[in-house]
Amino acid sequence: MPTPSFADEDYLAYFKYKGELVQDGYLDARKASAALQGIDEVMRYFLIQINGSLLEISFEVPIAIRTGSWEAIIPNSFNERLVRAISIRSGSYGVRLAGQLAENEFKEVKTKDLVKEAITSIKWVLKIARHMGSLGVKKFKDVSFEETEQQELVMAGLENENDEILYVPQEYIEAYRKCPENLFDKLMKNVEAERAFEVGFNPNEPTDKDDTGDGVTITAKDKHIFTTEEKEETILFPELKHGDYVVLEGHVSRGNENTNTIGFEYKGHILTCSPTKRMIKDYKVLLFTNCRIKGNIDRSNQYSLGNEKRPHIRFTSLVGLPQPGTQTTLF
C-alpha cells in the first residue's frame, strides 16, 4: 500500500519551523518533543478559552508531521476526531456532551469553525505581541477605531512605542490580554537565527473576515517576547527558601497527568508544583485560571542539599480566584 502524500492531504492549519536549519525537515528530537508539547498546550488553551465546556472532557489535538520544513499540520477531520474522542473517552456522558457540542452549544458553528477561531486567535495574539514588543501589555493608549466596509467588524488601532498602529478586530484584543506570558515558551525556544516559527492556515482554506491574512512568523529578533531565558547561575526567587510554607497567587498555565504536576505562573515565571496527596486531574477545572496556592518550597535535588536554583512547590491547597477587577475595560 503506497504511503500517503502529505502534499495532497487535506488540512486546515499548520505550525512550522522554516529556514536553513530545517530545510531538510529535520529537528533535534528534544526540540521536536518540546515543539509538539507546545502545540498541544497552545491549541488546548485557546480551544478551552473559546468554549469552557472542553475543560470537562478529555480530548486530543491530532497533528501530522511533514517535511520540507519541519511542519505540524492540523487536519480538517478535527471535528470528527474530537466528537469521536469525547464519545469513546467519556462514556454515556460524553455521548450526550458530544451531541451538545455539535448541535446545541455551538449551534450553527461546527467544531472545525471552533478550531479556525483558535488558530485565528493564536495568529492575532502573536501579531499583537510582536507589534507591542511584549505579551504583558494590559492597557493601551491612544486607541483609534474604524469599521470595515461591510461594517461587520470594529477594528481597534493599537499604537506601539514607535508610534506604529496595528488594526485588530476588537475581540482578539481580549484574547491577547488574557494570554499567559509564557504560553508560547516551548515553541519559541526553538527559534534561532536560521530557524523561524510560523503559524497559519492552508492557503486553499477560505479566509474569514477577521483573519490576519498570511501566516504569522516569529524570528529570532522577536523571540525574547515569548520566552524567559534564565541564566544557569541565577537563583530564582531566593526569598523562597527550602522548606518555607508559602501562600502565592498566580495562574495555572498547564497540567501534566503523567508527572502529576501543574505549571504555576508567578511573577513572569512558571513554577512546577505537585500536590502532596491528591491527583492533578482533581484540579482540572482550575486549568488556565487565576489561583491561590498553599504549600512548602522544595529546592532538593538528587543529593538532597536543598539548593536547587528553581523552587518546586509541594502544595496542599489550590483554589480559584475571582477575575481581577482592576480594569473593567480594554483601554
Protein backbone atom coordinates (compact mmCIF):
# COMPACT_ATOMS: atom_id res chain seq x y z
CA MET A 1 0.00 0.00 0.00
CA PRO A 2 1.57 3.35 -1.02
CA THR A 3 2.48 5.89 1.64
CA PRO A 4 0.03 8.84 1.55
CA SER A 5 1.47 12.14 0.39
CA PHE A 6 1.14 14.98 2.85
CA ALA A 7 1.30 17.37 -0.10
CA ASP A 8 -2.04 16.00 -1.30
CA GLU A 9 -3.61 15.70 2.16
CA ASP A 10 -6.45 17.96 3.06
CA TYR A 11 -5.57 20.00 6.15
CA LEU A 12 -6.81 23.09 7.95
CA ALA A 13 -3.78 24.81 9.51
CA TYR A 14 -0.08 24.39 10.28
CA PHE A 15 2.63 25.16 12.81
CA LYS A 16 6.12 25.05 11.35
CA TYR A 17 9.77 25.96 11.64
CA LYS A 18 11.45 27.22 8.49
CA GLY A 19 14.93 28.27 7.49
CA GLU A 20 18.36 26.83 6.80
CA LEU A 21 18.41 24.73 9.97
CA VAL A 22 15.29 22.78 8.94
CA GLN A 23 15.42 22.86 5.16
CA ASP A 24 15.55 19.04 5.03
CA GLY A 25 12.75 18.65 7.57
CA TYR A 26 14.95 17.53 10.46
CA LEU A 27 14.71 18.81 14.01
CA ASP A 28 16.57 17.62 17.10
CA ALA A 29 14.45 15.01 18.93
CA ARG A 30 14.32 17.06 22.14
CA LYS A 31 13.41 20.22 20.24
CA ALA A 32 10.73 18.32 18.32
CA SER A 33 9.32 16.94 21.56
CA ALA A 34 9.16 20.44 23.07
CA ALA A 35 7.51 21.76 19.90
CA LEU A 36 4.81 19.08 19.98
CA GLN A 37 4.12 19.75 23.65
CA GLY A 38 4.00 23.46 22.89
CA ILE A 39 1.48 22.97 20.07
CA ASP A 40 -0.71 20.83 22.33
CA GLU A 41 -0.61 23.39 25.16
CA VAL A 42 -1.30 26.37 22.89
CA MET A 43 -4.16 24.68 21.00
CA ARG A 44 -5.71 23.30 24.18
CA TYR A 45 -5.53 26.73 25.87
CA PHE A 46 -7.24 28.62 23.06
CA LEU A 47 -9.89 25.94 22.45
CA ILE A 48 -10.83 25.99 26.14
CA GLN A 49 -10.86 29.79 26.17
CA ILE A 50 -13.36 29.74 23.30
CA ASN A 51 -15.56 27.07 24.89
CA GLY A 52 -15.06 26.29 28.57
CA SER A 53 -17.08 23.05 28.31
CA LEU A 54 -13.99 21.40 26.86
CA LEU A 55 -12.46 21.55 30.35
CA GLU A 56 -14.88 18.81 31.37
CA ILE A 57 -13.78 16.26 28.77
CA SER A 58 -10.66 14.50 27.61
CA PHE A 59 -9.80 15.34 24.01
CA GLU A 60 -6.80 15.04 21.74
CA VAL A 61 -5.19 17.54 19.39
CA PRO A 62 -4.48 15.50 16.24
CA ILE A 63 -1.47 16.53 14.14
CA ALA A 64 0.75 15.03 11.46
CA ILE A 65 4.36 15.93 10.64
CA ARG A 66 5.54 16.59 7.12
CA THR A 67 8.95 17.56 5.79
CA GLY A 68 10.29 20.29 3.53
CA SER A 69 10.46 22.39 6.60
CA TRP A 70 9.50 20.92 9.98
CA GLU A 71 5.75 21.28 9.84
CA ALA A 72 2.90 20.01 12.04
CA ILE A 73 -0.47 20.12 10.33
CA ILE A 74 -3.96 20.21 11.86
CA PRO A 75 -6.34 18.02 9.80
CA ASN A 76 -9.72 19.09 8.51
CA SER A 77 -11.06 15.99 10.24
CA PHE A 78 -10.57 17.60 13.65
CA ASN A 79 -14.37 17.83 14.04
CA GLU A 80 -14.96 14.10 13.67
CA ARG A 81 -11.91 13.19 15.73
CA LEU A 82 -12.92 15.46 18.60
CA VAL A 83 -16.51 14.22 18.79
CA ARG A 84 -15.38 10.59 18.48
CA ALA A 85 -12.79 11.07 21.24
CA ILE A 86 -15.40 12.64 23.50
CA SER A 87 -17.76 9.72 22.93
CA ILE A 88 -15.16 7.00 23.49
CA ARG A 89 -13.34 8.51 26.46
CA SER A 90 -16.26 9.91 28.40
CA GLY A 91 -18.87 7.15 28.16
CA SER A 92 -22.56 7.96 28.04
CA TYR A 93 -21.98 11.43 29.50
CA GLY A 94 -19.50 12.05 26.71
CA VAL A 95 -22.02 10.97 24.09
CA ARG A 96 -24.56 13.44 25.44
CA LEU A 97 -21.94 16.18 25.69
CA ALA A 98 -20.68 15.46 22.19
CA GLY A 99 -24.20 16.00 20.93
CA GLN A 100 -24.39 19.29 22.78
CA LEU A 101 -21.08 20.40 21.36
CA ALA A 102 -22.12 19.56 17.81
CA GLU A 103 -25.73 20.75 17.96
CA ASN A 104 -26.71 22.92 20.92
CA GLU A 105 -23.73 24.67 22.41
CA PHE A 106 -22.03 25.61 19.17
CA LYS A 107 -25.38 25.92 17.41
CA GLU A 108 -24.56 26.58 13.76
CA VAL A 109 -20.81 26.75 14.40
CA LYS A 110 -19.20 23.36 13.84
CA THR A 111 -16.09 22.18 15.66
CA LYS A 112 -13.96 22.93 12.61
CA ASP A 113 -15.00 26.56 12.99
CA LEU A 114 -14.02 26.39 16.65
CA VAL A 115 -10.55 25.25 15.58
CA LYS A 116 -10.42 28.00 12.98
CA GLU A 117 -11.25 30.53 15.66
CA ALA A 118 -8.50 29.11 17.87
CA ILE A 119 -5.90 29.38 15.08
CA THR A 120 -7.10 32.90 14.24
CA SER A 121 -6.76 33.87 17.92
CA ILE A 122 -3.24 32.43 18.05
CA LYS A 123 -2.24 34.41 14.97
CA TRP A 124 -3.65 37.68 16.32
CA VAL A 125 -2.11 37.21 19.77
CA LEU A 126 1.31 36.61 18.20
CA LYS A 127 0.88 39.56 15.86
CA ILE A 128 -0.21 41.94 18.66
CA ALA A 129 2.63 40.78 20.93
CA ARG A 130 5.17 41.28 18.14
CA HIS A 131 3.73 44.74 17.45
CA MET A 132 3.71 45.79 21.12
CA GLY A 133 7.04 44.11 21.89
CA SER A 134 5.51 42.21 24.80
CA LEU A 135 2.84 39.72 25.85
CA GLY A 136 2.35 41.64 29.08
CA VAL A 137 0.65 44.86 27.95
CA LYS A 138 -2.77 45.03 29.60
CA LYS A 139 -3.76 48.60 28.85
CA PHE A 140 -3.38 50.52 25.59
CA LYS A 141 -3.00 54.23 24.94
CA ASP A 142 -4.37 56.35 22.11
CA VAL A 143 -6.61 53.63 20.69
CA SER A 144 -8.42 54.53 17.48
CA PHE A 145 -11.38 52.69 15.96
CA GLU A 146 -12.63 52.15 12.45
CA GLU A 147 -15.32 50.00 10.87
CA THR A 148 -14.76 47.77 7.86
CA GLU A 149 -16.60 48.48 4.62
CA GLN A 150 -19.11 45.76 5.45
CA GLN A 151 -19.48 47.30 8.94
CA GLU A 152 -19.33 43.77 10.36
CA LEU A 153 -16.07 44.31 12.23
CA VAL A 154 -14.87 47.03 14.55
CA MET A 155 -11.11 47.38 14.21
CA ALA A 156 -9.09 48.86 17.06
CA GLY A 157 -5.85 50.63 16.22
CA LEU A 158 -3.13 49.80 18.75
CA GLU A 159 -0.20 52.20 18.89
CA ASN A 160 3.20 50.93 20.00
CA GLU A 161 6.22 52.79 21.36
CA ASN A 162 7.40 53.53 17.80
CA ASP A 163 4.09 55.30 17.04
CA GLU A 164 3.13 52.49 14.66
CA ILE A 165 -0.53 51.44 14.54
CA LEU A 166 -1.82 47.89 14.10
CA TYR A 167 -5.54 47.47 13.43
CA VAL A 168 -7.01 44.44 15.19
CA PRO A 169 -10.58 43.08 15.44
CA GLN A 170 -11.66 44.21 18.89
CA GLU A 171 -12.49 40.72 20.20
CA TYR A 172 -8.91 39.48 19.77
CA ILE A 173 -7.51 42.22 21.99
CA GLU A 174 -9.14 40.49 24.94
CA ALA A 175 -7.59 37.17 23.82
CA TYR A 176 -4.19 38.89 23.89
CA ARG A 177 -4.77 40.45 27.31
CA LYS A 178 -5.77 37.10 28.86
CA CYS A 179 -2.92 35.11 27.33
CA PRO A 180 -0.33 33.81 29.85
CA GLU A 181 3.04 35.39 29.10
CA ASN A 182 4.82 32.01 28.96
CA LEU A 183 2.25 30.13 26.86
CA PHE A 184 4.44 30.08 23.72
CA ASP A 185 7.70 29.38 25.56
CA LYS A 186 8.20 25.79 24.33
CA LEU A 187 7.53 26.75 20.72
CA MET A 188 9.71 29.85 20.68
CA LYS A 189 12.77 28.39 22.40
CA ASN A 190 13.42 26.50 19.15
CA VAL A 191 13.65 29.78 17.21
CA GLU A 192 17.19 30.73 16.20
CA ALA A 193 18.91 32.92 13.61
CA GLU A 194 18.30 30.36 10.84
CA ARG A 195 15.09 28.83 12.19
CA ALA A 196 11.88 30.90 12.33
CA PHE A 197 8.45 29.84 13.59
CA GLU A 198 5.24 30.30 11.61
CA VAL A 199 1.56 29.51 12.14
CA GLY A 200 -1.15 29.84 9.52
CA PHE A 201 -3.97 28.30 7.54
CA ASN A 202 -3.85 26.06 4.48
CA PRO A 203 -3.53 28.53 1.56
CA ASN A 204 -6.55 26.82 -0.02
CA GLU A 205 -8.71 27.46 3.05
CA PRO A 206 -11.25 30.28 2.57
CA THR A 207 -10.19 33.37 4.54
CA ASP A 208 -12.57 34.55 7.23
CA LYS A 209 -13.27 38.28 7.51
CA ASP A 210 -11.47 38.54 10.87
CA ASP A 211 -8.31 36.62 9.92
CA THR A 212 -4.87 38.25 9.78
CA GLY A 213 -4.32 37.11 6.20
CA ASP A 214 -0.99 35.37 5.71
CA GLY A 215 0.71 33.20 8.30
CA VAL A 216 2.37 34.94 11.25
CA THR A 217 6.14 34.47 11.51
CA ILE A 218 8.29 34.95 14.60
CA THR A 219 12.03 35.29 14.03
CA ALA A 220 15.00 35.35 16.38
CA LYS A 221 14.64 39.13 16.62
CA ASP A 222 11.30 38.78 18.43
CA LYS A 223 11.98 35.52 20.30
CA HIS A 224 12.56 37.36 23.59
CA ILE A 225 8.92 38.49 23.63
CA PHE A 226 7.72 34.93 24.15
CA THR A 227 10.46 33.26 26.18
CA THR A 228 12.22 33.72 29.50
CA GLU A 229 15.88 32.92 29.05
CA GLU A 230 17.27 32.41 32.55
CA LYS A 231 20.97 32.16 33.27
CA GLU A 232 22.18 28.90 34.76
CA GLU A 233 23.71 30.58 37.77
CA THR A 234 20.65 32.67 38.64
CA ILE A 235 18.73 31.58 41.73
CA LEU A 236 15.06 32.11 41.01
CA PHE A 237 13.14 33.74 43.88
CA PRO A 238 15.91 33.39 46.50
CA GLU A 239 13.45 34.64 49.14
CA LEU A 240 11.53 31.36 48.76
CA LYS A 241 13.77 29.14 50.86
CA HIS A 242 13.75 25.36 51.03
CA GLY A 243 11.08 24.17 53.48
CA ASP A 244 9.27 27.53 53.72
CA TYR A 245 5.47 27.48 53.87
CA VAL A 246 4.10 29.90 51.27
CA VAL A 247 0.80 31.31 50.04
CA LEU A 248 1.14 32.61 46.46
CA GLU A 249 -1.29 33.94 43.87
CA GLY A 250 -0.74 33.25 40.19
CA HIS A 251 -2.09 31.49 37.09
CA VAL A 252 -2.32 27.75 36.37
CA SER A 253 -0.79 27.57 32.89
CA ARG A 254 -0.64 23.82 32.31
CA GLY A 255 -1.22 20.39 33.81
CA ASN A 256 0.53 17.07 33.27
CA GLU A 257 -1.18 13.90 34.50
CA ASN A 258 1.87 11.78 33.67
CA THR A 259 4.10 13.67 36.10
CA ASN A 260 1.19 14.73 38.34
CA THR A 261 2.31 18.36 38.19
CA ILE A 262 0.98 21.74 37.19
CA GLY A 263 2.71 24.82 35.83
CA PHE A 264 2.02 27.85 38.05
CA GLU A 265 2.81 31.24 36.52
CA TYR A 266 4.12 33.52 39.26
CA LYS A 267 5.70 36.93 38.60
CA GLY A 268 6.52 36.05 34.99
CA HIS A 269 7.97 32.59 35.68
CA ILE A 270 6.47 29.11 35.52
CA LEU A 271 6.96 27.09 38.72
CA THR A 272 6.44 23.34 38.72
CA CYS A 273 4.08 22.31 41.52
CA SER A 274 2.79 18.95 42.71
CA PRO A 275 0.03 18.05 45.18
CA THR A 276 1.05 16.30 48.39
CA LYS A 277 -1.92 13.92 48.40
CA ARG A 278 -4.39 14.37 45.53
CA MET A 279 -4.05 13.85 41.77
CA ILE A 280 -3.73 16.64 39.23
CA LYS A 281 -6.89 15.52 37.45
CA ASP A 282 -8.81 16.61 40.58
CA TYR A 283 -7.82 20.19 39.76
CA LYS A 284 -8.62 20.18 36.03
CA VAL A 285 -11.38 22.79 36.40
CA LEU A 286 -8.71 25.24 37.57
CA LEU A 287 -6.59 24.89 34.44
CA PHE A 288 -5.94 28.30 32.80
CA THR A 289 -7.41 30.21 35.75
CA ASN A 290 -6.02 32.51 38.44
CA CYS A 291 -5.47 30.64 41.71
CA ARG A 292 -4.07 30.82 45.22
CA ILE A 293 -1.65 28.02 46.08
CA LYS A 294 -0.53 26.96 49.57
CA GLY A 295 2.34 24.62 50.27
CA ASN A 296 6.01 24.15 51.02
CA ILE A 297 9.02 25.14 48.94
CA ASP A 298 11.16 22.22 47.80
CA ARG A 299 14.64 23.00 46.49
CA SER A 300 16.01 19.49 46.95
CA ASN A 301 17.93 17.73 44.19
CA GLN A 302 19.42 14.26 43.73
CA TYR A 303 21.81 15.00 46.61
CA SER A 304 19.01 16.43 48.84
CA LEU A 305 21.00 19.60 49.50
CA GLY A 306 18.05 21.97 49.27
CA ASN A 307 19.90 24.38 46.99
CA GLU A 308 18.17 23.93 43.63
CA LYS A 309 18.10 27.21 41.68
CA ARG A 310 14.43 26.80 40.80
CA PRO A 311 11.83 26.28 43.57
CA HIS A 312 9.27 23.49 43.39
CA ILE A 313 6.04 23.78 45.39
CA ARG A 314 4.55 20.77 47.17
CA PHE A 315 1.05 22.13 47.65
CA THR A 316 -1.78 21.21 49.98
CA SER A 317 -4.33 23.69 48.64
CA LEU A 318 -5.15 25.16 45.22
CA VAL A 319 -8.25 27.34 44.95
CA GLY A 320 -9.57 29.60 42.23
CA LEU A 321 -9.60 33.39 42.49
CA PRO A 322 -12.19 35.77 41.05
CA GLN A 323 -11.23 37.53 37.85
CA PRO A 324 -9.14 40.62 38.65
CA GLY A 325 -11.28 43.74 38.80
CA THR A 326 -8.53 46.34 38.47
CA GLN A 327 -9.59 47.18 34.91
CA THR A 328 -13.10 46.76 33.61
CA THR A 329 -12.44 47.98 30.07
CA LEU A 330 -9.87 47.17 27.45
CA PHE A 331 -8.34 50.62 27.27
